[in-house]
Amino acid sequence: MSQTKKLIQKILDFYSYTDVIEQRKRAAHELVIDHRFPMERWDNAEKSLSVDMSDDEILRKFQLLKKDSSGNHNLLKSRA
């Protein structure tokens, strides 16, 4: 398994496959891993992500949003 896939799995496991908006447990294909803060607001480029990042780093950097046929919660997050 690649390092990227391992990190994706680690983030899904950390959040127990639960989206942040509705607090519903979902299948992996119904979720999108989203940065808590949009990248264009960052002053510096993000350093490479490691599968060894701590739970605290995951909590600060990422959240899970719903993704389905009608779209995802990323637009809702952006408007908020």
PDB file of N, CA and C in Angstrom:
ATOM      1  N   MET A   1       0.858  -1.181   0.000  1.00  0.00           N
ATOM      2  CA  MET A   1       0.000   0.000   0.000  1.00  0.00           C
ATOM      3  C   MET A   1       0.901   1.239   0.000  1.00  0.00           C
ATOM      4  N   SER A   2       0.577   2.204  -0.849  1.00  0.00           N
ATOM      5  CA  SER A   2       1.388   3.422  -0.935  1.00  0.00           C
ATOM      6  C   SER A   2       1.243   4.261   0.334  1.00  0.00           C
ATOM      7  N   GLN A   3       2.176   5.171   0.544  1.00  0.00           N
ATOM      8  CA  GLN A   3       2.132   6.064   1.707  1.00  0.00           C
ATOM      9  C   GLN A   3       0.866   6.925   1.684  1.00  0.00           C
ATOM     10  N   THR A   4       0.470   7.383   0.495  1.00  0.00           N
ATOM     11  CA  THR A   4      -0.740   8.202   0.378  1.00  0.00           C
ATOM     12  C   THR A   4      -1.969   7.408   0.799  1.00  0.00           C
ATOM     13  N   LYS A   5      -2.088   6.175   0.324  1.00  0.00           N
ATOM     14  CA  LYS A   5      -3.234   5.335   0.693  1.00  0.00           C
ATOM     15  C   LYS A   5      -3.234   5.027   2.183  1.00  0.00           C
ATOM     16  N   LYS A   6      -2.040   4.841   2.760  1.00  0.00           N
ATOM     17  CA  LYS A   6      -1.945   4.592   4.203  1.00  0.00           C
ATOM     18  C   LYS A   6      -2.415   5.812   4.993  1.00  0.00           C
ATOM     19  N   LEU A   7      -2.032   7.013   4.537  1.00  0.00           N
ATOM     20  CA  LEU A   7      -2.461   8.225   5.229  1.00  0.00           C
ATOM     21  C   LEU A   7      -3.972   8.414   5.089  1.00  0.00           C
ATOM     22  N   ILE A   8      -4.512   8.163   3.913  1.00  0.00           N
ATOM     23  CA  ILE A   8      -5.965   8.256   3.713  1.00  0.00           C
ATOM     24  C   ILE A   8      -6.672   7.321   4.687  1.00  0.00           C
ATOM     25  N   GLN A   9      -6.200   6.092   4.781  1.00  0.00           N
ATOM     26  CA  GLN A   9      -6.815   5.117   5.686  1.00  0.00           C
ATOM     27  C   GLN A   9      -6.695   5.570   7.138  1.00  0.00           C
ATOM     28  N   LYS A  10      -5.550   6.141   7.493  1.00  0.00           N
ATOM     29  CA  LYS A  10      -5.337   6.619   8.862  1.00  0.00           C
ATOM     30  C   LYS A  10      -6.333   7.729   9.202  1.00  0.00           C
ATOM     31  N   ILE A  11      -6.561   8.652   8.263  1.00  0.00           N
ATOM     32  CA  ILE A  11      -7.497   9.753   8.498  1.00  0.00           C
ATOM     33  C   ILE A  11      -8.923   9.224   8.611  1.00  0.00           C
ATOM     34  N   LEU A  12      -9.314   8.321   7.730  1.00  0.00           N
ATOM     35  CA  LEU A  12     -10.662   7.728   7.804  1.00  0.00           C
ATOM     36  C   LEU A  12     -10.854   6.999   9.130  1.00  0.00           C
ATOM     37  N   ASP A  13      -9.865   6.241   9.536  1.00  0.00           N
ATOM     38  CA  ASP A  13      -9.941   5.518  10.816  1.00  0.00           C
ATOM     39  C   ASP A  13     -10.006   6.482  11.995  1.00  0.00           C
ATOM     40  N   PHE A  14      -9.189   7.534  11.968  1.00  0.00           N
ATOM     41  CA  PHE A  14      -9.168   8.510  13.054  1.00  0.00           C
ATOM     42  C   PHE A  14     -10.562   9.095  13.273  1.00  0.00           C
ATOM     43  N   TYR A  15     -11.237   9.436  12.190  1.00  0.00           N
ATOM     44  CA  TYR A  15     -12.575  10.031  12.287  1.00  0.00           C
ATOM     45  C   TYR A  15     -13.696   8.988  12.284  1.00  0.00           C
ATOM     46  N   SER A  16     -13.343   7.728  12.330  1.00  0.00           N
ATOM     47  CA  SER A  16     -14.324   6.631  12.347  1.00  0.00           C
ATOM     48  C   SER A  16     -15.333   6.759  11.216  1.00  0.00           C
ATOM     49  N   TYR A  17     -14.843   7.217  10.054  1.00  0.00           N
ATOM     50  CA  TYR A  17     -15.681   7.332   8.850  1.00  0.00           C
ATOM     51  C   TYR A  17     -16.904   8.219   9.084  1.00  0.00           C
ATOM     52  N   THR A  18     -16.780   9.237   9.919  1.00  0.00           N
ATOM     53  CA  THR A  18     -17.905  10.098  10.300  1.00  0.00           C
ATOM     54  C   THR A  18     -17.715  11.497   9.741  1.00  0.00           C
ATOM     55  N   ASP A  19     -18.714  11.987   8.985  1.00  0.00           N
ATOM     56  CA  ASP A  19     -18.594  13.324   8.416  1.00  0.00           C
ATOM     57  C   ASP A  19     -18.814  14.380   9.493  1.00  0.00           C
ATOM     58  N   VAL A  20     -18.167  15.523   9.319  1.00  0.00           N
ATOM     59  CA  VAL A  20     -18.152  16.576  10.333  1.00  0.00           C
ATOM     60  C   VAL A  20     -19.465  17.361  10.390  1.00  0.00           C
ATOM     61  N   ILE A  21     -20.203  17.459   9.301  1.00  0.00           N
ATOM     62  CA  ILE A  21     -21.417  18.272   9.263  1.00  0.00           C
ATOM     63  C   ILE A  21     -22.609  17.535   9.883  1.00  0.00           C
ATOM     64  N   GLU A  22     -22.904  16.356   9.373  1.00  0.00           N
ATOM     65  CA  GLU A  22     -24.087  15.611   9.847  1.00  0.00           C
ATOM     66  C   GLU A  22     -23.765  14.621  10.962  1.00  0.00           C
ATOM     67  N   GLN A  23     -22.467  14.425  11.216  1.00  0.00           N
ATOM     68  CA  GLN A  23     -22.021  13.465  12.232  1.00  0.00           C
ATOM     69  C   GLN A  23     -22.590  12.069  11.968  1.00  0.00           C
ATOM     70  N   ARG A  24     -22.570  11.677  10.683  1.00  0.00           N
ATOM     71  CA  ARG A  24     -23.047  10.346  10.284  1.00  0.00           C
ATOM     72  C   ARG A  24     -21.878   9.503   9.829  1.00  0.00           C
ATOM     73  N   LYS A  25     -21.863   8.267  10.264  1.00  0.00           N
ATOM     74  CA  LYS A  25     -20.863   7.321   9.800  1.00  0.00           C
ATOM     75  C   LYS A  25     -21.220   6.932   8.369  1.00  0.00           C
ATOM     76  N   ARG A  26     -20.248   6.956   7.477  1.00  0.00           N
ATOM     77  CA  ARG A  26     -20.486   6.711   6.057  1.00  0.00           C
ATOM     78  C   ARG A  26     -19.430   5.756   5.497  1.00  0.00           C
ATOM     79  N   ALA A  27     -19.728   5.189   4.346  1.00  0.00           N
ATOM     80  CA  ALA A  27     -18.756   4.370   3.629  1.00  0.00           C
ATOM     81  C   ALA A  27     -17.652   5.283   3.085  1.00  0.00           C
ATOM     82  N   ALA A  28     -16.487   4.740   2.882  1.00  0.00           N
ATOM     83  CA  ALA A  28     -15.342   5.538   2.413  1.00  0.00           C
ATOM     84  C   ALA A  28     -15.658   6.268   1.117  1.00  0.00           C
ATOM     85  N   HIS A  29     -16.394   5.637   0.206  1.00  0.00           N
ATOM     86  CA  HIS A  29     -16.684   6.290  -1.079  1.00  0.00           C
ATOM     87  C   HIS A  29     -17.693   7.439  -0.931  1.00  0.00           C
ATOM     88  N   GLU A  30     -18.286   7.586   0.228  1.00  0.00           N
ATOM     89  CA  GLU A  30     -19.226   8.682   0.485  1.00  0.00           C
ATOM     90  C   GLU A  30     -18.574   9.839   1.230  1.00  0.00           C
ATOM     91  N   LEU A  31     -17.260   9.790   1.388  1.00  0.00           N
ATOM     92  CA  LEU A  31     -16.534  10.811   2.142  1.00  0.00           C
ATOM     93  C   LEU A  31     -15.423  11.427   1.314  1.00  0.00           C
ATOM     94  N   VAL A  32     -15.136  12.670   1.593  1.00  0.00           N
ATOM     95  CA  VAL A  32     -13.980  13.345   1.007  1.00  0.00           C
ATOM     96  C   VAL A  32     -13.161  13.913   2.162  1.00  0.00           C
ATOM     97  N   ILE A  33     -11.851  13.704   2.097  1.00  0.00           N
ATOM     98  CA  ILE A  33     -10.954  14.273   3.097  1.00  0.00           C
ATOM     99  C   ILE A  33     -10.676  15.708   2.672  1.00  0.00           C
ATOM    100  N   ASP A  34     -10.978  16.634   3.569  1.00  0.00           N
ATOM    101  CA  ASP A  34     -10.902  18.046   3.247  1.00  0.00           C
ATOM    102  C   ASP A  34      -9.971  18.763   4.211  1.00  0.00           C
ATOM    103  N   HIS A  35      -9.206  19.729   3.705  1.00  0.00           N
ATOM    104  CA  HIS A  35      -8.403  20.586   4.578  1.00  0.00           C
ATOM    105  C   HIS A  35      -9.343  21.480   5.377  1.00  0.00           C
ATOM    106  N   ARG A  36      -9.079  21.653   6.637  1.00  0.00           N
ATOM    107  CA  ARG A  36      -9.902  22.525   7.476  1.00  0.00           C
ATOM    108  C   ARG A  36      -9.848  23.976   7.005  1.00  0.00           C
ATOM    109  N   PHE A  37      -8.693  24.396   6.503  1.00  0.00           N
ATOM    110  CA  PHE A  37      -8.526  25.757   6.014  1.00  0.00           C
ATOM    111  C   PHE A  37      -8.119  25.689   4.554  1.00  0.00           C
ATOM    112  N   PRO A  38      -8.784  26.447   3.686  1.00  0.00           N
ATOM    113  CA  PRO A  38      -8.462  26.401   2.253  1.00  0.00           C
ATOM    114  C   PRO A  38      -7.002  26.738   1.992  1.00  0.00           C
ATOM    115  N   MET A  39      -6.405  26.031   1.050  1.00  0.00           N
ATOM    116  CA  MET A  39      -4.984  26.199   0.747  1.00  0.00           C
ATOM    117  C   MET A  39      -4.649  27.609   0.282  1.00  0.00           C
ATOM    118  N   GLU A  40      -5.565  28.306  -0.412  1.00  0.00           N
ATOM    119  CA  GLU A  40      -5.223  29.638  -0.900  1.00  0.00           C
ATOM    120  C   GLU A  40      -5.032  30.634   0.232  1.00  0.00           C
ATOM    121  N   ARG A  41      -5.472  30.304   1.424  1.00  0.00           N
ATOM    122  CA  ARG A  41      -5.293  31.198   2.570  1.00  0.00           C
ATOM    123  C   ARG A  41      -3.961  30.977   3.261  1.00  0.00           C
ATOM    124  N   TRP A  42      -3.252  29.940   2.864  1.00  0.00           N
ATOM    125  CA  TRP A  42      -1.974  29.652   3.487  1.00  0.00           C
ATOM    126  C   TRP A  42      -0.908  30.543   2.889  1.00  0.00           C
ATOM    127  N   ASP A  43       0.015  31.017   3.725  1.00  0.00           N
ATOM    128  CA  ASP A  43       1.110  31.851   3.242  1.00  0.00           C
ATOM    129  C   ASP A  43       2.211  31.015   2.600  1.00  0.00           C
ATOM    130  N   ASN A  44       2.429  29.837   3.124  1.00  0.00           N
ATOM    131  CA  ASN A  44       3.499  28.980   2.620  1.00  0.00           C
ATOM    132  C   ASN A  44       2.914  27.689   2.076  1.00  0.00           C
ATOM    133  N   ALA A  45       3.647  27.084   1.175  1.00  0.00           N
ATOM    134  CA  ALA A  45       3.221  25.789   0.645  1.00  0.00           C
ATOM    135  C   ALA A  45       3.238  24.754   1.768  1.00  0.00           C
ATOM    136  N   GLU A  46       2.316  23.834   1.698  1.00  0.00           N
ATOM    137  CA  GLU A  46       2.233  22.793   2.717  1.00  0.00           C
ATOM    138  C   GLU A  46       3.404  21.830   2.565  1.00  0.00           C
ATOM    139  N   LYS A  47       4.030  21.492   3.694  1.00  0.00           N
ATOM    140  CA  LYS A  47       5.088  20.499   3.628  1.00  0.00           C
ATOM    141  C   LYS A  47       4.449  19.146   3.335  1.00  0.00           C
ATOM    142  N   SER A  48       5.225  18.237   2.849  1.00  0.00           N
ATOM    143  CA  SER A  48       4.664  16.947   2.464  1.00  0.00           C
ATOM    144  C   SER A  48       4.027  16.264   3.675  1.00  0.00           C
ATOM    145  N   LEU A  49       2.989  15.527   3.394  1.00  0.00           N
ATOM    146  CA  LEU A  49       2.237  14.862   4.449  1.00  0.00           C
ATOM    147  C   LEU A  49       2.824  13.484   4.705  1.00  0.00           C
ATOM    148  N   SER A  50       2.848  13.097   5.957  1.00  0.00           N
ATOM    149  CA  SER A  50       3.446  11.832   6.354  1.00  0.00           C
ATOM    150  C   SER A  50       2.407  10.923   6.977  1.00  0.00           C
ATOM    151  N   VAL A  51       2.524   9.646   6.695  1.00  0.00           N
ATOM    152  CA  VAL A  51       1.657   8.664   7.331  1.00  0.00           C
ATOM    153  C   VAL A  51       1.911   8.625   8.836  1.00  0.00           C
ATOM    154  N   ASP A  52       3.023   9.165   9.265  1.00  0.00           N
ATOM    155  CA  ASP A  52       3.383   9.194  10.689  1.00  0.00           C
ATOM    156  C   ASP A  52       2.848  10.420  11.411  1.00  0.00           C
ATOM    157  N   MET A  53       2.034  11.254  10.728  1.00  0.00           N
ATOM    158  CA  MET A  53       1.524  12.445  11.408  1.00  0.00           C
ATOM    159  C   MET A  53       0.675  12.018  12.604  1.00  0.00           C
ATOM    160  N   SER A  54       0.717  12.828  13.637  1.00  0.00           N
ATOM    161  CA  SER A  54       0.019  12.515  14.885  1.00  0.00           C
ATOM    162  C   SER A  54      -1.492  12.744  14.747  1.00  0.00           C
ATOM    163  N   ASP A  55      -2.237  12.191  15.684  1.00  0.00           N
ATOM    164  CA  ASP A  55      -3.686  12.421  15.706  1.00  0.00           C
ATOM    165  C   ASP A  55      -3.995  13.908  15.836  1.00  0.00           C
ATOM    166  N   ASP A  56      -3.181  14.617  16.626  1.00  0.00           N
ATOM    167  CA  ASP A  56      -3.387  16.060  16.796  1.00  0.00           C
ATOM    168  C   ASP A  56      -3.201  16.794  15.467  1.00  0.00           C
ATOM    169  N   GLU A  57      -2.191  16.394  14.685  1.00  0.00           N
ATOM    170  CA  GLU A  57      -1.979  17.018  13.375  1.00  0.00           C
ATOM    171  C   GLU A  57      -3.152  16.731  12.442  1.00  0.00           C
ATOM    172  N   ILE A  58      -3.641  15.507  12.453  1.00  0.00           N
ATOM    173  CA  ILE A  58      -4.801  15.151  11.627  1.00  0.00           C
ATOM    174  C   ILE A  58      -5.991  16.007  12.026  1.00  0.00           C
ATOM    175  N   LEU A  59      -6.229  16.145  13.317  1.00  0.00           N
ATOM    176  CA  LEU A  59      -7.349  16.937  13.816  1.00  0.00           C
ATOM    177  C   LEU A  59      -7.239  18.394  13.391  1.00  0.00           C
ATOM    178  N   ARG A  60      -6.031  18.958  13.429  1.00  0.00           N
ATOM    179  CA  ARG A  60      -5.830  20.356  13.041  1.00  0.00           C
ATOM    180  C   ARG A  60      -5.930  20.576  11.538  1.00  0.00           C
ATOM    181  N   LYS A  61      -5.519  19.595  10.733  1.00  0.00           N
ATOM    182  CA  LYS A  61      -5.425  19.800   9.295  1.00  0.00           C
ATOM    183  C   LYS A  61      -6.638  19.327   8.497  1.00  0.00           C
ATOM    184  N   PHE A  62      -7.290  18.255   8.929  1.00  0.00           N
ATOM    185  CA  PHE A  62      -8.279  17.602   8.074  1.00  0.00           C
ATOM    186  C   PHE A  62      -9.630  17.412   8.748  1.00  0.00           C
ATOM    187  N   GLN A  63     -10.631  17.242   7.916  1.00  0.00           N
ATOM    188  CA  GLN A  63     -11.973  16.862   8.354  1.00  0.00           C
ATOM    189  C   GLN A  63     -12.576  16.010   7.245  1.00  0.00           C
ATOM    190  N   LEU A  64     -13.602  15.243   7.589  1.00  0.00           N
ATOM    191  CA  LEU A  64     -14.299  14.441   6.588  1.00  0.00           C
ATOM    192  C   LEU A  64     -15.612  15.115   6.240  1.00  0.00           C
ATOM    193  N   LEU A  65     -15.866  15.246   4.944  1.00  0.00           N
ATOM    194  CA  LEU A  65     -17.116  15.819   4.462  1.00  0.00           C
ATOM    195  C   LEU A  65     -17.856  14.794   3.624  1.00  0.00           C
ATOM    196  N   LYS A  66     -19.174  14.912   3.609  1.00  0.00           N
ATOM    197  CA  LYS A  66     -20.016  14.023   2.815  1.00  0.00           C
ATOM    198  C   LYS A  66     -19.770  14.271   1.337  1.00  0.00           C
ATOM    199  N   LYS A  67     -19.748  13.190   0.577  1.00  0.00           N
ATOM    200  CA  LYS A  67     -19.652  13.262  -0.875  1.00  0.00           C
ATOM    201  C   LYS A  67     -20.685  12.296  -1.432  1.00  0.00           C
ATOM    202  N   ASP A  68     -21.613  12.794  -2.235  1.00  0.00           N
ATOM    203  CA  ASP A  68     -22.586  11.899  -2.850  1.00  0.00           C
ATOM    204  C   ASP A  68     -22.977  12.430  -4.224  1.00  0.00           C
ATOM    205  N   SER A  69     -23.976  11.826  -4.835  1.00  0.00           N
ATOM    206  CA  SER A  69     -24.368  12.194  -6.194  1.00  0.00           C
ATOM    207  C   SER A  69     -24.875  13.628  -6.295  1.00  0.00           C
ATOM    208  N   SER A  70     -25.324  14.207  -5.199  1.00  0.00           N
ATOM    209  CA  SER A  70     -25.819  15.583  -5.231  1.00  0.00           C
ATOM    210  C   SER A  70     -24.727  16.593  -4.856  1.00  0.00           C
ATOM    211  N   GLY A  71     -23.496  16.138  -4.732  1.00  0.00           N
ATOM    212  CA  GLY A  71     -22.394  17.031  -4.408  1.00  0.00           C
ATOM    213  C   GLY A  71     -21.779  16.682  -3.068  1.00  0.00           C
ATOM    214  N   ASN A  72     -21.163  17.676  -2.444  1.00  0.00           N
ATOM    215  CA  ASN A  72     -20.585  17.426  -1.126  1.00  0.00           C
ATOM    216  C   ASN A  72     -20.731  18.669  -0.267  1.00  0.00           C
ATOM    217  N   HIS A  73     -20.306  18.554   0.966  1.00  0.00           N
ATOM    218  CA  HIS A  73     -20.460  19.645   1.918  1.00  0.00           C
ATOM    219  C   HIS A  73     -19.361  20.695   1.801  1.00  0.00           C
ATOM    220  N   ASN A  74     -18.462  20.554   0.846  1.00  0.00           N
ATOM    221  CA  ASN A  74     -17.383  21.521   0.705  1.00  0.00           C
ATOM    222  C   ASN A  74     -17.943  22.902   0.344  1.00  0.00           C
ATOM    223  N   LEU A  75     -18.952  22.959  -0.493  1.00  0.00           N
ATOM    224  CA  LEU A  75     -19.574  24.239  -0.838  1.00  0.00           C
ATOM    225  C   LEU A  75     -20.211  24.858   0.403  1.00  0.00           C
ATOM    226  N   LEU A  76     -20.897  24.058   1.193  1.00  0.00           N
ATOM    227  CA  LEU A  76     -21.501  24.538   2.428  1.00  0.00           C
ATOM    228  C   LEU A  76     -20.433  25.100   3.372  1.00  0.00           C
ATOM    229  N   LYS A  77     -19.311  24.418   3.473  1.00  0.00           N
ATOM    230  CA  LYS A  77     -18.195  24.875   4.298  1.00  0.00           C
ATOM    231  C   LYS A  77     -17.673  26.221   3.781  1.00  0.00           C
ATOM    232  N   SER A  78     -17.505  26.330   2.481  1.00  0.00           N
ATOM    233  CA  SER A  78     -16.994  27.564   1.886  1.00  0.00           C
ATOM    234  C   SER A  78     -17.912  28.737   2.144  1.00  0.00           C
ATOM    235  N   ARG A  79     -19.209  28.514   2.070  1.00  0.00           N
ATOM    236  CA  ARG A  79     -20.169  29.594   2.306  1.00  0.00           C
ATOM    237  C   ARG A  79     -20.201  30.011   3.770  1.00  0.00           C
ATOM    238  N   ALA A  80     -19.962  29.063   4.660  1.00  0.00           N
ATOM    239  CA  ALA A  80     -19.951  29.376   6.087  1.00  0.00           C
ATOM    240  C   ALA A  80     -18.715  30.178   6.419  1.00  0.00           C
TER     241      ALA A  80
END
